[in-house]
Protein backbone atom coordinates (compact mmCIF):
# COMPACT_ATOMS: atom_id res chain seq x y z
CA MET A 1 -28.01 -0.47 26.19
CA ILE A 2 -28.76 -3.71 24.73
CA ARG A 3 -31.20 -4.63 21.59
CA ALA A 4 -34.09 -5.58 23.48
CA ASP A 5 -33.67 -2.12 25.42
CA LEU A 6 -34.44 -1.06 21.52
CA ASP A 7 -38.22 -0.48 20.51
CA ALA A 8 -39.52 0.31 17.44
CA ILE A 9 -39.00 4.06 16.81
CA ASP A 10 -34.74 2.80 17.71
CA LEU A 11 -34.77 0.55 14.87
CA LYS A 12 -36.53 3.19 12.47
CA ILE A 13 -33.27 5.74 13.20
CA LEU A 14 -31.16 2.93 13.10
CA ARG A 15 -32.24 2.38 9.39
CA GLU A 16 -32.47 5.26 8.16
CA LEU A 17 -29.54 7.07 9.70
CA GLN A 18 -27.05 3.87 8.27
CA ASN A 19 -28.75 4.52 4.85
CA GLU A 20 -28.80 8.56 5.03
CA GLY A 21 -25.85 9.91 7.90
CA ARG A 22 -26.78 13.26 6.87
CA VAL A 23 -30.82 13.46 7.37
CA THR A 24 -31.58 16.30 9.45
CA ASN A 25 -33.02 16.21 12.65
CA VAL A 26 -36.59 17.29 11.38
CA GLU A 27 -36.48 14.85 8.28
CA LEU A 28 -35.31 12.03 10.40
CA SER A 29 -38.35 12.83 12.88
CA GLU A 30 -40.61 12.83 10.36
CA ARG A 31 -39.45 9.58 8.89
CA VAL A 32 -40.20 8.01 11.80
CA GLY A 33 -43.15 9.19 13.30
CA ILE A 34 -42.16 11.51 16.09
CA SER A 35 -41.57 15.22 16.60
CA ALA A 36 -38.09 16.72 16.30
CA PRO A 37 -37.12 17.25 20.55
CA PRO A 38 -37.84 13.75 21.23
CA CYS A 39 -35.81 12.13 17.87
CA LEU A 40 -32.71 14.35 18.94
CA ARG A 41 -32.91 12.43 22.22
CA ARG A 42 -33.47 8.77 20.94
CA VAL A 43 -30.23 9.90 18.24
CA ARG A 44 -28.32 10.83 21.71
CA ARG A 45 -29.26 8.20 23.68
CA LEU A 46 -27.57 5.69 20.95
CA GLU A 47 -24.24 7.40 20.41
CA GLU A 48 -23.77 7.55 24.30
CA ALA A 49 -24.57 3.54 24.36
CA GLY A 50 -22.04 3.42 21.31
CA ILE A 51 -24.50 1.85 19.12
CA ILE A 52 -24.22 4.32 16.87
CA LYS A 53 -20.38 4.76 17.07
CA GLY A 54 -19.78 7.84 14.42
CA TYR A 55 -20.78 8.95 11.32
CA ARG A 56 -18.74 9.41 7.77
CA ALA A 57 -18.79 10.24 4.06
CA LEU A 58 -18.68 7.08 1.54
CA LEU A 59 -16.22 7.73 -0.74
CA ASP A 60 -15.90 6.76 -4.70
CA ALA A 61 -12.53 5.01 -4.22
CA PRO A 62 -11.85 4.78 -8.12
CA SER A 63 -12.59 8.28 -8.72
CA LEU A 64 -10.09 9.53 -6.38
CA GLY A 65 -7.06 6.93 -7.54
CA TYR A 66 -7.62 4.03 -6.18
CA GLY A 67 -8.31 1.36 -8.29
CA LEU A 68 -7.23 -1.98 -6.51
CA VAL A 69 -8.97 -3.93 -3.59
CA ALA A 70 -7.94 -7.20 -2.30
CA PHE A 71 -7.85 -9.34 0.31
CA CYS A 72 -5.09 -10.30 2.46
CA MET A 73 -5.47 -13.59 4.64
CA ILE A 74 -2.39 -13.65 6.68
CA GLY A 75 -1.00 -16.85 8.67
CA LEU A 76 1.69 -16.00 11.67
CA LYS A 77 4.07 -18.27 12.85
CA LEU A 78 3.25 -17.66 16.76
CA GLN A 79 -0.12 -17.00 18.07
CA SER A 80 0.29 -15.81 21.48
CA GLU A 81 -1.37 -12.64 22.93
CA SER A 82 1.57 -10.25 22.33
CA LYS A 83 1.75 -11.53 18.83
CA LEU A 84 -1.64 -10.70 17.82
CA LYS A 85 -1.62 -7.60 19.23
CA ALA A 86 1.64 -7.03 17.58
CA PHE A 87 0.22 -7.72 14.26
CA SER A 88 -3.31 -5.37 14.91
CA THR A 89 -0.96 -2.73 15.74
CA ALA A 90 0.92 -3.16 12.68
CA ALA A 91 -2.22 -3.38 10.28
CA GLU A 92 -3.44 -0.13 12.21
CA LYS A 93 -0.33 1.72 10.48
CA TRP A 94 -0.97 -0.12 7.07
CA PRO A 95 -2.24 2.89 5.01
CA LEU A 96 -3.55 0.16 2.24
CA VAL A 97 -4.90 -1.29 5.09
CA ARG A 98 -8.97 -0.12 5.31
CA ARG A 99 -10.29 -3.01 7.88
CA ALA A 100 -8.88 -5.55 9.71
CA TRP A 101 -9.89 -8.60 11.24
CA MET A 102 -8.92 -11.42 13.74
CA VAL A 103 -10.45 -14.72 12.09
CA SER A 104 -10.29 -18.36 13.15
CA GLY A 105 -9.66 -21.55 10.68
CA GLU A 106 -5.98 -21.68 8.16
CA SER A 107 -5.55 -18.01 8.68
CA ASP A 108 -5.72 -15.10 11.63
CA PHE A 109 -6.39 -12.10 9.93
CA LEU A 110 -8.45 -10.83 7.33
CA LEU A 111 -7.37 -7.28 5.78
CA GLU A 112 -9.41 -5.60 3.20
CA CYS A 113 -6.78 -3.02 1.29
CA ILE A 114 -7.47 -0.62 -1.19
CA ALA A 115 -4.55 0.53 -3.52
CA GLU A 116 -3.94 3.18 -6.58
CA ASN A 117 -2.45 0.32 -8.63
CA LEU A 118 -1.28 -3.44 -8.42
CA ALA A 119 2.13 -2.46 -8.38
CA LYS A 120 1.51 -0.35 -5.42
CA PHE A 121 -0.18 -3.20 -3.90
CA GLN A 122 2.57 -5.94 -4.59
CA ASP A 123 5.37 -3.48 -3.31
CA PHE A 124 3.09 -3.77 0.11
CA VAL A 125 2.83 -7.13 0.05
CA ILE A 126 6.29 -7.38 -0.25
CA GLU A 127 7.76 -4.80 1.70
CA GLU A 128 5.08 -4.75 4.97
CA LEU A 129 3.41 -7.70 4.61
CA THR A 130 6.30 -10.84 4.02
CA ALA A 131 8.37 -8.66 5.94
CA PHE A 132 6.55 -8.48 9.04
CA GLU A 133 8.31 -10.28 11.79
CA ASN A 134 5.90 -13.08 12.30
CA VAL A 135 4.04 -13.26 9.66
CA ASP A 136 4.45 -16.38 7.72
CA THR A 137 1.72 -16.74 4.83
CA VAL A 138 0.08 -14.37 2.84
CA ARG A 139 -2.32 -15.32 0.42
CA THR A 140 -3.83 -12.31 -1.62
CA ILE A 141 -7.05 -12.42 -3.28
CA LEU A 142 -7.60 -9.64 -6.01
CA THR A 143 -11.70 -8.54 -6.54
CA ILE A 144 -12.62 -8.54 -9.97
CA ARG A 145 -15.34 -5.53 -9.28
CA GLN A 146 -18.32 -5.62 -6.22
CA THR A 147 -21.16 -6.68 -6.41
CA LYS A 148 -23.15 -5.55 -3.12
CA ASP A 149 -22.75 -2.59 -1.18
CA ALA A 150 -25.15 -2.70 1.90
CA PRO A 151 -25.01 -1.08 4.93
CA ALA A 152 -23.03 -3.44 7.53
CA VAL A 153 -25.70 -4.06 10.30
CA GLU A 154 -29.40 -5.49 8.53
CA ILE A 155 -31.88 -3.96 10.32
């Protein structure tokens, strides 16, 4: 399924679910203007097509003791496919890394990290990132405060 296959109702469903993933099917159907059975069929079709990848609870990291958000720009010594995959695999295993992107430009990867505090983040950078065999450079950006938290996709 591609965007061209999505009609106005599908887009309304996606918008509503992105804003409130726990809405009941009955409430969702009322919001988008169709009855519950076809609404459920549409949601299932969107899930099966991979457009809806899953559902999550959004947690408040600071209230759970994770007060530091930082970004790391990683430059690798070698960028062969196997070296890129090896770093991606390592990043998947590091608990502090919550999101990772392979990027173009001066860096090869951008990592979003969430840690309990600066000391834990520094330990991760020194013991894991800079120690990884193919890492050439690590540049870190400590955040001050989040100023926007929009859903992932504008619909």
